[in-house]
Amino acid sequence: MIVIPDASVLLKWVLPGDDEQDGDAALALRDEAVAGAVELVVPQLWLYEAGNTLARRFPDQAGELLASLVDFGLTEARLDSRWRTQAVSLAVAYEVAFYDAAYHAVALVYGGVFVTADERYVARASRAGSVSTLRQWRAR
């Protein structure tokens, strides 16, 4: 099974402290990937989105935390017209940010599931299919 985790999920793998909501669910997804039960694929923008959050919230640790994510060796979806077109369609149809729709578009094009901690996104775009909240993913 192919899973497309967004930055909201990936960041829970490295953020300091135990106060991250659904952090255990994010770690369980990571462990499934390590065990080979799921394949993780992300759009190339994941690095910029995660890096932006880390630099703002944890400026002294951002480089080290981002390196930990990069070292995981996530498979990056090549930017092509299929998922770019799909991302634009999702952003327009559901009035969501293009960068959020990019993860969802990769899931649709690759036949996977987009997993996000952003419950508002899922509420807006769930009719497009192939999307799950992190909490729902854990409950499956």
Protein backbone atom coordinates (compact mmCIF):
# COMPACT_ATOMS: atom_id res chain seq x y z
CA MET A 1 0.00 0.00 0.00
CA ILE A 2 1.23 3.47 -0.89
CA VAL A 3 0.80 6.21 1.71
CA ILE A 4 1.45 9.89 1.14
CA PRO A 5 2.11 11.54 4.52
CA ASP A 6 2.18 15.32 4.56
CA ALA A 7 4.47 17.55 6.61
CA SER A 8 1.98 17.57 9.50
CA VAL A 9 2.58 13.82 9.86
CA LEU A 10 6.30 13.77 9.05
CA LEU A 11 7.09 16.47 11.59
CA LYS A 12 5.58 14.37 14.37
CA TRP A 13 8.44 11.91 13.80
CA VAL A 14 11.05 14.43 14.95
CA LEU A 15 9.41 17.16 17.01
CA PRO A 16 10.72 17.30 20.55
CA GLY A 17 8.35 16.45 23.41
CA ASP A 18 5.42 14.15 23.84
CA ASP A 19 2.71 16.78 23.45
CA GLU A 20 2.12 16.35 19.71
CA GLN A 21 -1.49 15.34 19.12
CA ASP A 22 -1.63 11.92 17.43
CA GLY A 23 2.14 11.65 17.63
CA ASP A 24 1.79 7.97 18.44
CA ALA A 25 -0.23 7.44 15.26
CA ALA A 26 2.45 9.19 13.19
CA LEU A 27 5.16 7.02 14.75
CA ALA A 28 3.08 3.90 14.08
CA LEU A 29 2.87 4.89 10.40
CA ARG A 30 6.64 5.42 10.33
CA ASP A 31 7.14 1.99 11.89
CA GLU A 32 4.86 0.41 9.27
CA ALA A 33 7.05 1.94 6.57
CA VAL A 34 10.24 0.70 8.21
CA ALA A 35 8.71 -2.79 8.42
CA GLY A 36 7.81 -2.65 4.72
CA ALA A 37 4.06 -2.81 5.32
CA VAL A 38 3.52 0.51 3.51
CA GLU A 39 5.48 2.50 0.95
CA LEU A 40 5.78 6.23 1.61
CA VAL A 41 5.77 8.67 -1.31
CA VAL A 42 5.81 12.46 -0.99
CA PRO A 43 5.82 15.42 -3.37
CA GLN A 44 9.16 17.22 -3.50
CA LEU A 45 7.73 20.22 -1.68
CA TRP A 46 7.64 18.25 1.60
CA LEU A 47 11.19 19.35 2.40
CA TYR A 48 10.38 23.05 2.09
CA GLU A 49 7.18 22.77 4.10
CA ALA A 50 8.84 20.78 6.90
CA GLY A 51 11.93 23.00 6.84
CA ASN A 52 9.81 26.13 7.11
CA THR A 53 7.98 24.83 10.17
CA LEU A 54 11.16 23.62 11.86
CA ALA A 55 13.03 26.88 11.22
CA ARG A 56 10.16 28.90 12.73
CA ARG A 57 9.38 26.71 15.73
CA PHE A 58 12.78 25.20 16.57
CA PRO A 59 15.44 27.47 15.06
CA ASP A 60 18.28 26.02 17.15
CA GLN A 61 17.46 22.43 16.21
CA ALA A 62 15.98 22.89 12.73
CA GLY A 63 19.00 21.69 10.77
CA GLU A 64 19.42 18.54 12.81
CA LEU A 65 15.69 17.72 12.82
CA LEU A 66 15.39 18.28 9.08
CA ALA A 67 18.45 16.10 8.46
CA SER A 68 16.75 13.31 10.43
CA LEU A 69 13.77 13.48 8.09
CA VAL A 70 15.94 13.61 4.99
CA ASP A 71 17.94 10.60 6.22
CA PHE A 72 14.74 8.57 6.29
CA GLY A 73 15.04 8.44 2.48
CA LEU A 74 11.46 9.21 1.51
CA THR A 75 10.53 8.44 -2.09
CA GLU A 76 9.78 11.71 -3.85
CA ALA A 77 7.19 11.83 -6.61
CA ARG A 78 8.58 13.41 -9.73
CA LEU A 79 6.87 16.63 -10.63
CA ASP A 80 4.84 15.88 -13.73
CA SER A 81 1.72 17.14 -15.41
CA ARG A 82 -0.48 14.34 -14.03
CA TRP A 83 -0.29 15.26 -10.38
CA ARG A 84 0.27 18.98 -11.03
CA THR A 85 -3.01 19.09 -12.98
CA GLN A 86 -4.74 17.05 -10.28
CA ALA A 87 -3.42 19.37 -7.55
CA VAL A 88 -4.77 22.45 -9.32
CA SER A 89 -8.16 20.75 -9.76
CA LEU A 90 -8.33 19.82 -6.06
CA ALA A 91 -7.26 23.30 -4.93
CA VAL A 92 -9.92 24.96 -7.05
CA ALA A 93 -12.76 22.48 -6.48
CA TYR A 94 -12.37 22.25 -2.70
CA GLU A 95 -10.91 25.72 -2.02
CA VAL A 96 -7.79 24.34 -0.35
CA ALA A 97 -4.14 25.37 -0.53
CA PHE A 98 -2.24 24.09 -3.54
CA TYR A 99 0.56 22.67 -1.40
CA ASP A 100 -1.96 20.60 0.61
CA ALA A 101 -3.65 19.50 -2.60
CA ALA A 102 -0.25 18.44 -3.99
CA TYR A 103 0.03 15.62 -1.43
CA HIS A 104 -3.54 14.54 -2.16
CA ALA A 105 -2.89 14.63 -5.89
CA VAL A 106 0.12 12.34 -5.51
CA ALA A 107 -2.14 9.87 -3.67
CA LEU A 108 -4.72 9.98 -6.44
CA VAL A 109 -2.17 9.59 -9.23
CA TYR A 110 -0.15 6.86 -7.49
CA GLY A 111 -3.19 4.93 -6.25
CA GLY A 112 -2.34 5.59 -2.61
CA VAL A 113 -3.84 7.28 0.43
CA PHE A 114 -3.00 10.81 1.55
CA VAL A 115 -2.63 10.84 5.36
CA THR A 116 -2.70 14.19 7.16
CA ALA A 117 -3.21 15.59 10.64
CA ASP A 118 -5.16 18.44 9.00
CA GLU A 119 -8.74 17.42 9.74
CA ARG A 120 -10.11 20.56 8.08
CA TYR A 121 -8.51 19.55 4.78
CA VAL A 122 -10.04 16.08 4.99
CA ALA A 123 -13.47 17.53 5.80
CA ARG A 124 -13.26 19.75 2.72
CA ALA A 125 -11.76 17.35 0.18
CA SER A 126 -12.83 13.88 1.31
CA ARG A 127 -15.25 13.53 -1.61
CA ALA A 128 -12.23 13.29 -3.92
CA GLY A 129 -11.28 10.03 -2.17
CA SER A 130 -7.87 8.64 -1.21
CA VAL A 131 -7.53 10.83 1.89
CA SER A 132 -7.52 10.04 5.61
CA THR A 133 -6.88 11.90 8.81
CA LEU A 134 -4.00 10.59 10.84
CA ARG A 135 -6.47 9.66 13.56
CA GLN A 136 -8.62 7.66 11.10
CA TRP A 137 -5.50 5.96 9.72
CA ARG A 138 -4.57 4.79 13.17
CA ALA A 139 -8.08 3.42 13.82
CA ARG A 140 -8.11 1.29 10.67
